[in-house]
Protein backbone atom coordinates (compact mmCIF):
# COMPACT_ATOMS: atom_id res chain seq x y z
CA MET A 1 -75.31 15.42 6.09
CA ARG A 2 -72.17 13.38 5.50
CA PRO A 3 -71.57 10.57 8.01
CA PHE A 4 -68.48 11.02 10.17
CA ASN A 5 -67.43 7.38 9.69
CA ARG A 6 -67.71 7.35 5.91
CA THR A 7 -65.69 4.57 4.32
CA PRO A 8 -63.26 5.74 1.62
CA THR A 9 -64.01 4.50 -1.88
CA ARG A 10 -62.21 4.24 -5.19
CA THR A 11 -63.60 4.28 -8.72
CA ILE A 12 -63.16 1.29 -11.02
CA THR A 13 -63.76 1.47 -14.79
CA GLU A 14 -64.52 -1.79 -16.60
CA ASN A 15 -65.94 -2.90 -19.91
CA VAL A 16 -69.10 -5.00 -19.48
CA HIS A 17 -70.39 -6.56 -22.72
CA GLY A 18 -68.86 -3.78 -24.79
CA VAL A 19 -70.06 -0.94 -22.54
CA ASP A 20 -67.63 1.08 -20.37
CA VAL A 21 -69.00 1.42 -16.84
CA ALA A 22 -67.58 3.12 -13.74
CA TYR A 23 -68.57 2.24 -10.21
CA ASP A 24 -67.27 2.82 -6.68
CA VAL A 25 -65.98 0.12 -4.37
CA PRO A 26 -64.68 0.39 -0.81
CA ASP A 27 -61.03 1.38 -0.66
CA ASN A 28 -59.28 -0.80 1.88
CA THR A 29 -55.80 0.47 1.07
CA PRO A 30 -54.00 1.14 4.38
CA ILE A 31 -53.22 4.79 4.99
CA ILE A 32 -49.50 5.33 5.55
CA ARG A 33 -48.85 8.14 8.01
CA LEU A 34 -45.52 9.84 8.41
CA PRO A 35 -43.82 9.26 11.75
CA PHE A 36 -43.65 12.10 14.23
CA ASN A 37 -40.78 14.43 13.35
CA LEU A 38 -39.35 15.72 16.60
CA ASP A 39 -36.62 17.77 14.91
CA ALA A 40 -39.09 19.75 12.79
CA THR A 41 -41.31 20.38 15.82
CA LEU A 42 -38.43 21.63 17.94
CA ARG A 43 -37.27 23.86 15.09
CA ARG A 44 -40.73 25.44 14.92
CA VAL A 45 -40.72 25.97 18.69
CA LEU A 46 -37.27 27.57 18.51
CA PHE A 47 -38.28 30.09 15.86
CA ALA A 48 -41.59 30.75 17.65
CA PHE A 49 -39.59 31.74 20.76
CA ALA A 50 -37.30 33.88 18.59
CA ILE A 51 -40.27 35.73 17.07
CA LEU A 52 -41.86 36.34 20.49
CA MET A 53 -38.58 37.59 21.94
CA THR A 54 -38.06 39.88 18.95
CA ALA A 55 -41.54 41.34 19.37
CA GLY A 56 -40.87 41.95 23.06
CA ALA A 57 -37.51 43.56 22.31
CA ILE A 58 -39.08 45.89 19.74
CA VAL A 59 -41.81 46.93 22.18
CA TRP A 60 -39.37 47.53 25.03
CA GLY A 61 -36.90 49.42 22.83
CA THR A 62 -39.68 51.56 21.36
CA VAL A 63 -40.99 52.51 24.82
CA ALA A 64 -37.53 53.26 26.23
CA ILE A 65 -36.15 55.21 23.29
CA GLY A 66 -39.49 56.92 22.59
CA GLY A 67 -39.61 58.24 26.16
CA MET A 68 -36.24 59.85 25.60
CA LEU A 69 -37.12 61.32 22.20
CA GLN A 70 -40.47 62.76 23.26
CA THR A 71 -38.65 65.61 25.00
CA LEU A 72 -37.75 66.95 21.56
CA ALA A 73 -40.70 65.83 19.40
CA PRO A 74 -44.41 65.00 19.66
CA ASN A 75 -45.27 61.65 21.19
CA TRP A 76 -46.41 60.03 17.92
CA ALA A 77 -43.22 61.08 16.11
CA ALA A 78 -40.95 60.07 19.00
CA TYR A 79 -42.33 56.55 19.33
CA LEU A 80 -42.53 56.08 15.56
CA VAL A 81 -38.86 56.90 15.17
CA ALA A 82 -37.95 54.83 18.24
CA GLY A 83 -39.39 51.73 16.62
CA VAL A 84 -36.90 52.05 13.78
CA PHE A 85 -33.95 51.09 16.01
CA ASP A 86 -35.05 47.52 16.79
CA ALA A 87 -37.07 47.07 13.58
CA GLY A 88 -33.86 47.70 11.61
CA TRP A 89 -31.94 44.71 12.94
CA ALA A 90 -35.11 42.60 12.79
CA ALA A 91 -35.38 43.40 9.05
CA CYS A 92 -31.75 42.34 8.61
CA LEU A 93 -32.70 38.96 10.10
CA ILE A 94 -35.22 38.48 7.28
CA ALA A 95 -32.58 39.32 4.68
CA GLU A 96 -30.14 36.90 6.33
CA TRP A 97 -32.80 34.17 6.19
CA LEU A 98 -33.36 34.73 2.47
CA LEU A 99 -29.61 34.54 1.79
CA ARG A 100 -28.91 31.55 4.03
CA TYR A 101 -27.58 29.53 1.08
CA ASP A 102 -25.22 32.29 -0.05
CA SER A 103 -22.59 32.85 2.62
CA LYS A 104 -20.91 35.82 0.91
CA ARG A 105 -24.08 37.84 0.35
CA ALA A 106 -25.41 36.96 3.80
CA GLU A 107 -22.45 38.66 5.48
CA LEU A 108 -23.73 42.17 4.71
CA PRO A 109 -27.17 41.88 6.41
CA ARG A 110 -25.55 40.00 9.29
CA ASN A 111 -22.97 42.73 9.94
CA VAL A 112 -25.48 45.55 9.46
CA GLY A 113 -27.87 43.81 11.85
CA VAL A 114 -25.19 43.59 14.53
CA ALA A 115 -24.37 47.28 14.08
CA MET A 116 -28.04 48.28 14.37
CA LEU A 117 -28.39 46.09 17.46
CA ALA A 118 -25.44 47.86 19.07
CA VAL A 119 -26.97 51.26 18.35
CA SER A 120 -30.32 50.17 19.79
CA MET A 121 -28.71 48.79 22.96
CA ALA A 122 -26.68 51.97 23.41
CA ALA A 123 -29.82 54.09 23.09
CA ILE A 124 -31.68 51.98 25.68
CA ILE A 125 -28.76 52.20 28.12
CA LEU A 126 -28.57 55.96 27.56
CA ASP A 127 -32.27 56.27 28.36
CA GLY A 128 -31.75 54.38 31.64
CA HIS A 129 -28.80 56.60 32.53
CA ARG A 130 -30.85 59.73 31.78
CA ASN A 131 -33.64 58.57 34.11
CA GLY A 132 -31.16 57.63 36.87
CA VAL A 133 -31.78 53.88 36.54
CA LEU A 134 -28.72 52.69 34.67
CA LEU A 135 -29.23 49.07 35.75
CA VAL A 136 -32.72 49.04 34.24
CA GLY A 137 -31.30 50.42 31.00
CA ILE A 138 -28.66 47.68 30.87
CA VAL A 139 -31.21 44.93 31.52
CA GLY A 140 -33.52 46.40 28.86
CA ALA A 141 -30.66 46.44 26.36
CA LEU A 142 -29.91 42.78 27.10
CA VAL A 143 -33.46 41.92 25.99
CA SER A 144 -32.59 42.90 22.43
CA ALA A 145 -29.27 41.05 22.68
CA ALA A 146 -31.05 37.90 23.86
CA ALA A 147 -33.54 38.03 20.99
CA LYS A 148 -30.73 38.51 18.50
CA GLY A 149 -28.82 35.61 20.06
CA VAL A 150 -31.76 33.22 19.77
CA TRP A 151 -32.13 34.18 16.12
CA ALA A 152 -28.42 33.53 15.56
CA ILE A 153 -28.77 30.06 17.09
CA GLY A 154 -31.84 29.34 14.95
CA MET A 155 -30.07 30.43 11.78
CA HIS A 156 -27.11 28.25 12.72
CA THR A 157 -29.37 25.19 12.92
CA ILE A 158 -30.75 25.65 9.39
CA ARG A 159 -27.69 27.03 7.64
CA ILE A 160 -26.13 24.54 5.22
CA LYS A 161 -22.46 24.96 4.40
CA LEU A 162 -22.14 24.26 0.69
CA ASP A 163 -18.92 23.24 -1.02
CA PRO A 164 -17.37 26.04 -3.09
CA LYS A 165 -18.22 24.37 -6.40
CA TYR A 166 -21.87 23.80 -5.47
CA GLU A 167 -22.20 27.32 -4.11
CA ALA A 168 -20.69 28.68 -7.36
CA TYR A 169 -23.09 26.48 -9.36
CA LEU A 170 -26.07 27.75 -7.38
CA ASN A 171 -24.95 31.36 -7.81
CA ALA A 172 -24.47 30.86 -11.56
CA ARG A 173 -27.96 29.41 -11.95
CA ARG A 174 -29.43 32.20 -9.85
CA GLN A 175 -27.57 34.80 -11.94
CA GLN A 176 -28.80 33.21 -15.17
CA THR A 177 -32.40 33.16 -13.97
CA GLY A 178 -32.16 36.74 -12.74
CA THR A 179 -30.72 37.87 -16.08
CA GLU A 180 -33.55 36.20 -18.01
CA GLN A 181 -36.10 37.82 -15.74
CA ALA A 182 -34.46 41.23 -16.13
CA LEU A 183 -34.43 40.91 -19.93
CA ALA A 184 -38.08 39.84 -19.98
CA LEU A 185 -39.09 42.76 -17.77
CA GLY A 186 -37.06 45.13 -19.92
CA GLU A 187 -38.73 43.89 -23.12
CA TRP A 188 -42.15 44.15 -21.48
CA ASP A 189 -41.42 47.72 -20.43
CA ARG A 190 -40.19 48.54 -23.95
CA GLN A 191 -43.39 47.23 -25.54
CA ILE A 192 -45.55 49.14 -23.08
CA THR A 193 -43.61 52.34 -23.82
CA ALA A 194 -43.90 51.77 -27.58
CA ASP A 195 -47.67 51.23 -27.34
CA ARG A 196 -48.08 54.37 -25.24
CA THR A 197 -46.02 56.36 -27.73
CA VAL A 198 -48.19 55.16 -30.62
CA LYS A 199 -51.41 55.98 -28.78
CA LEU A 200 -50.06 59.41 -27.79
CA LYS A 201 -49.10 60.25 -31.38
CA LEU A 202 -52.49 59.14 -32.69
CA ALA A 203 -54.31 61.09 -29.98
CA LEU A 204 -52.34 64.27 -30.75
CA GLU A 205 -52.95 63.79 -34.47
CA ALA A 206 -56.69 63.34 -33.90
CA GLN A 207 -56.77 66.45 -31.70
CA ARG A 208 -54.90 68.67 -34.15
CA GLY A 209 -56.82 67.49 -37.17
CA THR A 210 -53.86 67.71 -39.56
CA PRO A 211 -50.71 65.66 -39.07
CA GLU A 212 -47.42 67.44 -38.61
CA PRO A 213 -44.57 66.44 -40.92
CA THR A 214 -42.14 63.91 -39.54
CA VAL A 215 -38.36 64.34 -39.42
CA ASP A 216 -37.90 62.28 -42.59
CA GLN A 217 -40.48 64.39 -44.42
CA ILE A 218 -38.81 67.65 -43.33
CA VAL A 219 -35.25 66.60 -44.27
CA GLY A 220 -36.10 64.89 -47.55
CA PRO A 221 -39.74 64.61 -48.53
CA ALA A 222 -40.49 61.56 -50.62
CA ARG A 223 -41.39 62.22 -54.22
CA SER A 224 -43.33 59.95 -56.46
CA THR A 225 -41.36 58.55 -59.38
CA PRO A 226 -43.14 58.92 -62.72
CA VAL A 227 -43.75 55.81 -64.76
CA GLN A 228 -42.85 56.06 -68.45
CA ALA A 229 -43.32 53.52 -71.17
CA ALA A 230 -40.57 52.80 -73.70
CA ASP A 231 -42.48 54.36 -76.61
CA GLN A 232 -44.02 57.24 -74.64
CA ALA A 233 -42.99 60.85 -75.00
CA VAL A 234 -41.11 62.51 -72.18
CA ASN A 235 -43.87 65.03 -71.46
CA GLN A 236 -46.56 62.32 -71.44
CA VAL A 237 -45.52 60.35 -68.39
CA ASP A 238 -48.03 58.90 -65.96
CA PRO A 239 -47.69 59.57 -62.23
CA ALA A 240 -46.82 56.72 -59.89
CA PRO A 241 -49.92 54.70 -59.04
CA GLU A 242 -51.52 55.36 -55.67
CA PRO A 243 -51.88 52.50 -53.14
CA VAL A 244 -54.72 50.26 -54.19
CA ALA A 245 -57.59 50.19 -51.72
CA VAL A 246 -57.98 46.97 -49.83
CA GLN A 247 -61.53 46.54 -51.17
CA ALA A 248 -60.22 46.22 -54.70
CA VAL A 249 -57.62 43.68 -53.65
CA GLN A 250 -60.13 41.56 -51.82
CA ALA A 251 -62.67 41.85 -54.64
CA SER A 252 -60.12 40.34 -57.00
CA ALA A 253 -59.64 37.48 -54.54
CA GLY A 254 -63.36 36.73 -54.59
CA ARG A 255 -64.05 36.93 -50.83
CA PRO A 256 -65.45 39.60 -48.49
CA VAL A 257 -63.17 42.12 -46.82
CA GLN A 258 -62.07 41.21 -43.32
CA PRO A 259 -60.69 43.61 -40.66
CA GLU A 260 -57.56 41.46 -40.41
CA ASP A 261 -56.90 42.03 -44.12
CA GLN A 262 -57.10 45.79 -43.63
CA VAL A 263 -54.73 45.61 -40.68
CA ASP A 264 -52.27 43.46 -42.68
CA LEU A 265 -52.31 46.02 -45.50
CA LEU A 266 -51.54 48.85 -43.10
CA VAL A 267 -48.78 46.81 -41.46
CA THR A 268 -47.19 46.21 -44.86
CA LEU A 269 -47.27 49.92 -45.68
CA LEU A 270 -45.87 50.90 -42.28
CA ARG A 271 -43.00 48.44 -42.59
CA LYS A 272 -42.11 50.08 -45.92
CA GLY A 273 -41.61 53.33 -44.02
CA GLU A 274 -44.75 55.15 -45.09
CA HIS A 275 -46.25 57.74 -42.74
CA ILE A 276 -49.96 56.96 -42.54
CA THR A 277 -52.40 59.27 -40.81
CA LYS A 278 -55.95 58.57 -39.80
CA SER A 279 -57.39 60.30 -42.84
CA ARG A 280 -54.87 58.58 -45.13
CA ALA A 281 -55.81 55.18 -43.67
CA ALA A 282 -59.49 55.92 -44.24
CA GLU A 283 -58.71 56.80 -47.87
CA ILE A 284 -56.70 53.61 -48.43
CA LEU A 285 -59.18 51.29 -46.74
CA GLY A 286 -62.33 53.04 -47.92
CA VAL A 287 -63.81 53.12 -44.41
CA PRO A 288 -64.85 55.91 -42.02
CA GLU A 289 -62.10 57.66 -40.10
CA SER A 290 -63.24 56.17 -36.78
CA THR A 291 -62.84 52.66 -38.17
CA ALA A 292 -59.58 53.58 -39.86
CA TYR A 293 -58.26 54.92 -36.53
CA ARG A 294 -58.85 51.56 -34.85
CA ARG A 295 -57.26 49.64 -37.71
CA LEU A 296 -54.25 51.98 -37.77
CA THR A 297 -53.75 51.70 -33.99
CA LYS A 298 -53.67 47.91 -34.17
CA ALA A 299 -51.44 47.89 -37.24
CA THR A 300 -48.95 50.29 -35.64
CA SER A 301 -48.78 48.12 -32.53
CA VAL A 302 -48.13 45.00 -34.63
CA ALA A 303 -45.48 46.76 -36.70
CA ASN A 304 -43.66 48.02 -33.59
CA GLN A 305 -43.86 44.60 -31.94
CA TYR A 306 -41.90 42.85 -34.66
CA ASN A 307 -39.43 45.61 -35.39
């Protein structure tokens, strides 16, 4: 077990006769403690009271309004809906807290919160009037008003009034950061959609067995251009050479075939606009169709990524 009065130590590294050694020595550095911050403590107490008062107001408003609504709906539905009245202005308090450095945007949740508080207080007073205890309804409504007031005081203590130029600077930086985030999310979504489209096309092609012609092939199918030498007769032309298999290319380079080489070859063909199916990839690479399918999937993803 560790002793409770263990002395703090620090590690020293020295060179002793050409050898680096590290050893621990007692650390007698005085520990500097921050002084007691009364303002921060009182601020925590203030917001703790505000949270407790808000919880009490929500409970009281839910009980009062739910008792009135249960005459028209089941108990669970009545009390669930009743909780919305006070929870609404409490949610606006959270939005106002998040926008405390932006006075213009904070006005909307502040005004909406006041409107929701007024509706909640009116409903509580109406419930007291319906039960013949109007005074109880008024006192219950003041509970929500008191909680809202404490929150307003707390927000006033932490709100910093920025100069117009600094507030505009902060808004500009926030807008720039938000735009970059939106563009990054949009690009991420585009890449995910492109990958799903590729996988869907390959899955449909594998299920059908034979690929369907693309739009380019239907409108204007590509035709191979015959190759003719200068001294060769017109009727003795040779057809355009087929794509050379990757094995032949790598054999000429004098090294074994790597999967990355096969993927690079398919990427090159796809960027030229060729429509390559699973069987066509297997023919080009000289591998089984299952292996060609994996190579083609990766090559299509790479080609779409850099388009």
